[in-house]
Amino acid sequence: MTDTYQRLVDLLDHHGADYDLIDHDPVGTTDAVSALRGHPVAQAAKCIVLMVKTDRKTRRHVLAVVPGDRRVDLGAVAALYGARYAGFADATTAERLARAVPGTVLPFAQDPAVELVVDPAVLAQPRLYFNAARLDRSVSLAPADYERIARPLVRPIATAG
């Protein structure tokens, strides 16, 4: 997964993003890593790969990004896609599509088959923080640069944590 990290850094550099790298103990849980990085949990970008079934035969994968102090509202994601079901992708599929292990998934779609949906509260933060496809390094990124580079669909998909 080290090339996922390098692709991230290259992407941010290529777009002239306002970002910083933060080294810390290897941690993959939002609350713990937010404490290590020294910011409110709400500024963490929690990234979850979902599977959405629009009918019996059609499945889509969505990368949902919500503030670290909230959860993904699976009902809102299902409604967004007119789907009968939305749930968490299995671990193997999530790792393959995200090109990262759990706890290090980036808020950028790594596979063209994955649709990126971001809750507006993520973009309202003064800075975004997320593990950089590794458990021991994180990124602090300006939300405007994130939105400009990632070009996500922005919809309310978060519920109270």
C-alpha atoms as a PDB file:
ATOM      1  CA  MET A   1       0.000   0.000   0.000  1.00  0.00           C
ATOM      2  CA  THR A   2       3.033   2.299   0.032  1.00  0.00           C
ATOM      3  CA  ASP A   3       2.328   3.433  -3.531  1.00  0.00           C
ATOM      4  CA  THR A   4      -1.119   4.642  -2.369  1.00  0.00           C
ATOM      5  CA  TYR A   5       0.699   6.929   0.060  1.00  0.00           C
ATOM      6  CA  GLN A   6       3.106   8.124  -2.638  1.00  0.00           C
ATOM      7  CA  ARG A   7       0.248   8.698  -5.115  1.00  0.00           C
ATOM      8  CA  LEU A   8      -1.470  10.829  -2.476  1.00  0.00           C
ATOM      9  CA  VAL A   9       1.597  12.991  -1.885  1.00  0.00           C
ATOM     10  CA  ASP A  10       2.163  13.325  -5.645  1.00  0.00           C
ATOM     11  CA  LEU A  11      -1.488  14.306  -6.158  1.00  0.00           C
ATOM     12  CA  LEU A  12      -1.379  16.958  -3.448  1.00  0.00           C
ATOM     13  CA  ASP A  13       1.942  18.339  -4.737  1.00  0.00           C
ATOM     14  CA  HIS A  14       0.727  18.348  -8.354  1.00  0.00           C
ATOM     15  CA  HIS A  15      -2.300  20.440  -7.377  1.00  0.00           C
ATOM     16  CA  GLY A  16      -0.353  22.788  -5.097  1.00  0.00           C
ATOM     17  CA  ALA A  17      -2.457  21.801  -2.091  1.00  0.00           C
ATOM     18  CA  ASP A  18      -2.067  23.414   1.318  1.00  0.00           C
ATOM     19  CA  TYR A  19      -1.166  20.333   3.350  1.00  0.00           C
ATOM     20  CA  ASP A  20       1.129  19.067   6.066  1.00  0.00           C
ATOM     21  CA  LEU A  21       2.303  15.562   6.932  1.00  0.00           C
ATOM     22  CA  ILE A  22       2.094  14.499  10.569  1.00  0.00           C
ATOM     23  CA  ASP A  23       4.062  11.553  11.947  1.00  0.00           C
ATOM     24  CA  HIS A  24       2.588   9.758  14.967  1.00  0.00           C
ATOM     25  CA  ASP A  25       2.318   6.369  16.655  1.00  0.00           C
ATOM     26  CA  PRO A  26       0.588   3.807  14.413  1.00  0.00           C
ATOM     27  CA  VAL A  27      -3.113   4.178  15.194  1.00  0.00           C
ATOM     28  CA  GLY A  28      -6.156   3.501  13.007  1.00  0.00           C
ATOM     29  CA  THR A  29      -9.084   4.572  15.188  1.00  0.00           C
ATOM     30  CA  THR A  30     -10.517   8.053  14.691  1.00  0.00           C
ATOM     31  CA  ASP A  31     -10.716   9.110  18.343  1.00  0.00           C
ATOM     32  CA  ALA A  32      -7.224   7.897  19.246  1.00  0.00           C
ATOM     33  CA  VAL A  33      -5.456   9.312  16.203  1.00  0.00           C
ATOM     34  CA  SER A  34      -7.277  12.652  16.525  1.00  0.00           C
ATOM     35  CA  ALA A  35      -5.906  12.939  20.067  1.00  0.00           C
ATOM     36  CA  LEU A  36      -2.377  12.148  18.832  1.00  0.00           C
ATOM     37  CA  ARG A  37      -2.687  14.725  16.053  1.00  0.00           C
ATOM     38  CA  GLY A  38      -4.099  17.304  18.487  1.00  0.00           C
ATOM     39  CA  HIS A  39      -7.365  18.303  16.827  1.00  0.00           C
ATOM     40  CA  PRO A  40     -11.098  17.894  17.523  1.00  0.00           C
ATOM     41  CA  VAL A  41     -12.520  14.565  16.308  1.00  0.00           C
ATOM     42  CA  ALA A  42     -14.974  16.485  14.082  1.00  0.00           C
ATOM     43  CA  GLN A  43     -12.030  17.570  11.891  1.00  0.00           C
ATOM     44  CA  ALA A  44     -11.094  13.957  11.085  1.00  0.00           C
ATOM     45  CA  ALA A  45     -12.315  12.719   7.717  1.00  0.00           C
ATOM     46  CA  LYS A  46     -13.789   9.274   8.421  1.00  0.00           C
ATOM     47  CA  CYS A  47     -13.740   7.279   5.158  1.00  0.00           C
ATOM     48  CA  ILE A  48     -15.878   4.180   4.633  1.00  0.00           C
ATOM     49  CA  VAL A  49     -16.311   2.010   1.540  1.00  0.00           C
ATOM     50  CA  LEU A  50     -19.957   1.056   1.065  1.00  0.00           C
ATOM     51  CA  MET A  51     -21.823  -1.311  -1.207  1.00  0.00           C
ATOM     52  CA  VAL A  52     -25.120  -0.014  -2.582  1.00  0.00           C
ATOM     53  CA  LYS A  53     -27.677  -2.316  -4.231  1.00  0.00           C
ATOM     54  CA  THR A  54     -29.927  -0.406  -6.592  1.00  0.00           C
ATOM     55  CA  ASP A  55     -31.741  -3.596  -7.637  1.00  0.00           C
ATOM     56  CA  ARG A  56     -31.227  -7.358  -7.399  1.00  0.00           C
ATOM     57  CA  LYS A  57     -28.409  -7.376  -9.961  1.00  0.00           C
ATOM     58  CA  THR A  58     -26.868  -3.912  -9.774  1.00  0.00           C
ATOM     59  CA  ARG A  59     -24.272  -3.045  -7.152  1.00  0.00           C
ATOM     60  CA  ARG A  60     -22.252   0.131  -6.817  1.00  0.00           C
ATOM     61  CA  HIS A  61     -19.437   1.030  -4.475  1.00  0.00           C
ATOM     62  CA  VAL A  62     -19.361   4.355  -2.705  1.00  0.00           C
ATOM     63  CA  LEU A  63     -16.630   5.982  -0.656  1.00  0.00           C
ATOM     64  CA  ALA A  64     -18.500   7.889   2.038  1.00  0.00           C
ATOM     65  CA  VAL A  65     -16.637  10.620   3.932  1.00  0.00           C
ATOM     66  CA  VAL A  66     -18.117  12.004   7.135  1.00  0.00           C
ATOM     67  CA  PRO A  67     -16.761  13.969  10.100  1.00  0.00           C
ATOM     68  CA  GLY A  68     -14.935  11.815  12.634  1.00  0.00           C
ATOM     69  CA  ASP A  69     -17.513  12.433  15.360  1.00  0.00           C
ATOM     70  CA  ARG A  70     -20.394  11.180  13.209  1.00  0.00           C
ATOM     71  CA  ARG A  71     -21.496   7.965  11.517  1.00  0.00           C
ATOM     72  CA  VAL A  72     -22.524   7.292   7.938  1.00  0.00           C
ATOM     73  CA  ASP A  73     -26.302   7.403   7.569  1.00  0.00           C
ATOM     74  CA  LEU A  74     -26.830   4.277   5.450  1.00  0.00           C
ATOM     75  CA  GLY A  75     -30.473   5.225   4.854  1.00  0.00           C
ATOM     76  CA  ALA A  76     -29.415   8.590   3.428  1.00  0.00           C
ATOM     77  CA  VAL A  77     -26.894   6.889   1.126  1.00  0.00           C
ATOM     78  CA  ALA A  78     -29.521   4.379  -0.051  1.00  0.00           C
ATOM     79  CA  ALA A  79     -31.989   7.219  -0.702  1.00  0.00           C
ATOM     80  CA  LEU A  80     -29.351   9.207  -2.587  1.00  0.00           C
ATOM     81  CA  TYR A  81     -28.907   6.339  -5.031  1.00  0.00           C
ATOM     82  CA  GLY A  82     -32.549   5.234  -5.083  1.00  0.00           C
ATOM     83  CA  ALA A  83     -31.254   1.948  -3.687  1.00  0.00           C
ATOM     84  CA  ARG A  84     -32.971  -0.800  -1.775  1.00  0.00           C
ATOM     85  CA  TYR A  85     -29.865  -1.417   0.355  1.00  0.00           C
ATOM     86  CA  ALA A  86     -26.680   0.326   1.481  1.00  0.00           C
ATOM     87  CA  GLY A  87     -24.147  -1.319   3.778  1.00  0.00           C
ATOM     88  CA  PHE A  88     -20.481  -1.670   4.512  1.00  0.00           C
ATOM     89  CA  ALA A  89     -18.376  -3.358   1.832  1.00  0.00           C
ATOM     90  CA  ASP A  90     -16.646  -6.521   2.992  1.00  0.00           C
ATOM     91  CA  ALA A  91     -13.052  -6.010   4.165  1.00  0.00           C
ATOM     92  CA  THR A  92     -11.426  -7.624   1.116  1.00  0.00           C
ATOM     93  CA  THR A  93     -13.428  -5.520  -1.338  1.00  0.00           C
ATOM     94  CA  ALA A  94     -12.892  -2.341   0.675  1.00  0.00           C
ATOM     95  CA  GLU A  95      -9.102  -2.862   0.770  1.00  0.00           C
ATOM     96  CA  ARG A  96      -8.975  -3.622  -2.955  1.00  0.00           C
ATOM     97  CA  LEU A  97     -11.036  -0.583  -3.961  1.00  0.00           C
ATOM     98  CA  ALA A  98      -9.449   1.826  -1.469  1.00  0.00           C
ATOM     99  CA  ARG A  99      -5.952   0.451  -2.026  1.00  0.00           C
ATOM    100  CA  ALA A 100      -5.485   0.805   1.719  1.00  0.00           C
ATOM    101  CA  VAL A 101      -6.072  -1.209   4.878  1.00  0.00           C
ATOM    102  CA  PRO A 102      -8.882  -0.304   7.303  1.00  0.00           C
ATOM    103  CA  GLY A 103      -8.039   2.774   9.315  1.00  0.00           C
ATOM    104  CA  THR A 104      -5.953   4.243   6.487  1.00  0.00           C
ATOM    105  CA  VAL A 105      -8.553   4.737   3.731  1.00  0.00           C
ATOM    106  CA  LEU A 106      -8.072   8.063   1.978  1.00  0.00           C
ATOM    107  CA  PRO A 107     -10.916  10.517   1.291  1.00  0.00           C
ATOM    108  CA  PHE A 108     -10.036  10.260  -2.418  1.00  0.00           C
ATOM    109  CA  ALA A 109     -11.499   7.550  -4.657  1.00  0.00           C
ATOM    110  CA  GLN A 110      -8.626   5.257  -5.672  1.00  0.00           C
ATOM    111  CA  ASP A 111     -10.641   3.206  -8.166  1.00  0.00           C
ATOM    112  CA  PRO A 112     -12.742   4.645 -11.014  1.00  0.00           C
ATOM    113  CA  ALA A 113     -15.575   2.270 -10.063  1.00  0.00           C
ATOM    114  CA  VAL A 114     -15.954   3.986  -6.681  1.00  0.00           C
ATOM    115  CA  GLU A 115     -18.162   7.056  -6.330  1.00  0.00           C
ATOM    116  CA  LEU A 116     -17.078   9.656  -3.781  1.00  0.00           C
ATOM    117  CA  VAL A 117     -19.755  11.242  -1.561  1.00  0.00           C
ATOM    118  CA  VAL A 118     -18.819  13.725   1.150  1.00  0.00           C
ATOM    119  CA  ASP A 119     -21.007  15.151   3.885  1.00  0.00           C
ATOM    120  CA  PRO A 120     -21.022  18.994   3.770  1.00  0.00           C
ATOM    121  CA  ALA A 121     -19.919  19.139   7.426  1.00  0.00           C
ATOM    122  CA  VAL A 122     -16.539  17.708   6.341  1.00  0.00           C
ATOM    123  CA  LEU A 123     -15.936  20.711   4.085  1.00  0.00           C
ATOM    124  CA  ALA A 124     -17.043  23.168   6.789  1.00  0.00           C
ATOM    125  CA  GLN A 125     -14.037  22.316   9.007  1.00  0.00           C
ATOM    126  CA  PRO A 126     -11.010  24.662   9.191  1.00  0.00           C
ATOM    127  CA  ARG A 127      -8.709  21.688   8.375  1.00  0.00           C
ATOM    128  CA  LEU A 128      -9.234  18.055   7.430  1.00  0.00           C
ATOM    129  CA  TYR A 129      -7.164  15.291   8.987  1.00  0.00           C
ATOM    130  CA  PHE A 130      -6.849  11.714   7.785  1.00  0.00           C
ATOM    131  CA  ASN A 131      -4.393   8.837   7.865  1.00  0.00           C
ATOM    132  CA  ALA A 132      -2.283   8.924   4.729  1.00  0.00           C
ATOM    133  CA  ALA A 133      -2.728   5.285   3.618  1.00  0.00           C
ATOM    134  CA  ARG A 134      -0.484   4.387   6.569  1.00  0.00           C
ATOM    135  CA  LEU A 135      -1.141   4.088  10.269  1.00  0.00           C
ATOM    136  CA  ASP A 136       1.886   6.161  11.289  1.00  0.00           C
ATOM    137  CA  ARG A 137       1.437   9.244   9.124  1.00  0.00           C
ATOM    138  CA  SER A 138      -1.468  11.615   8.594  1.00  0.00           C
ATOM    139  CA  VAL A 139      -2.327  14.565   6.416  1.00  0.00           C
ATOM    140  CA  SER A 140      -3.698  17.933   7.462  1.00  0.00           C
ATOM    141  CA  LEU A 141      -5.363  19.459   4.387  1.00  0.00           C
ATOM    142  CA  ALA A 142      -7.225  22.662   3.582  1.00  0.00           C
ATOM    143  CA  PRO A 143     -10.874  21.721   2.882  1.00  0.00           C
ATOM    144  CA  ALA A 144     -11.056  23.990  -0.172  1.00  0.00           C
ATOM    145  CA  ASP A 145      -8.085  22.161  -1.706  1.00  0.00           C
ATOM    146  CA  TYR A 146      -9.640  18.804  -0.865  1.00  0.00           C
ATOM    147  CA  GLU A 147     -12.886  19.743  -2.599  1.00  0.00           C
ATOM    148  CA  ARG A 148     -11.040  21.195  -5.604  1.00  0.00           C
ATOM    149  CA  ILE A 149      -8.874  18.091  -6.070  1.00  0.00           C
ATOM    150  CA  ALA A 150     -11.318  15.312  -5.140  1.00  0.00           C
ATOM    151  CA  ARG A 151     -14.410  16.873  -6.775  1.00  0.00           C
ATOM    152  CA  PRO A 152     -16.804  14.884  -4.597  1.00  0.00           C
ATOM    153  CA  LEU A 153     -20.565  14.717  -4.691  1.00  0.00           C
ATOM    154  CA  VAL A 154     -21.519  16.727  -1.596  1.00  0.00           C
ATOM    155  CA  ARG A 155     -24.663  15.498   0.154  1.00  0.00           C
ATOM    156  CA  PRO A 156     -25.810  15.117   3.770  1.00  0.00           C
ATOM    157  CA  ILE A 157     -24.882  11.495   4.599  1.00  0.00           C
ATOM    158  CA  ALA A 158     -23.882  11.760   8.274  1.00  0.00           C
ATOM    159  CA  THR A 159     -25.806  11.152  11.449  1.00  0.00           C
ATOM    160  CA  ALA A 160     -24.899  11.705  15.100  1.00  0.00           C
ATOM    161  CA  GLY A 161     -22.081   9.439  16.278  1.00  0.00           C
END
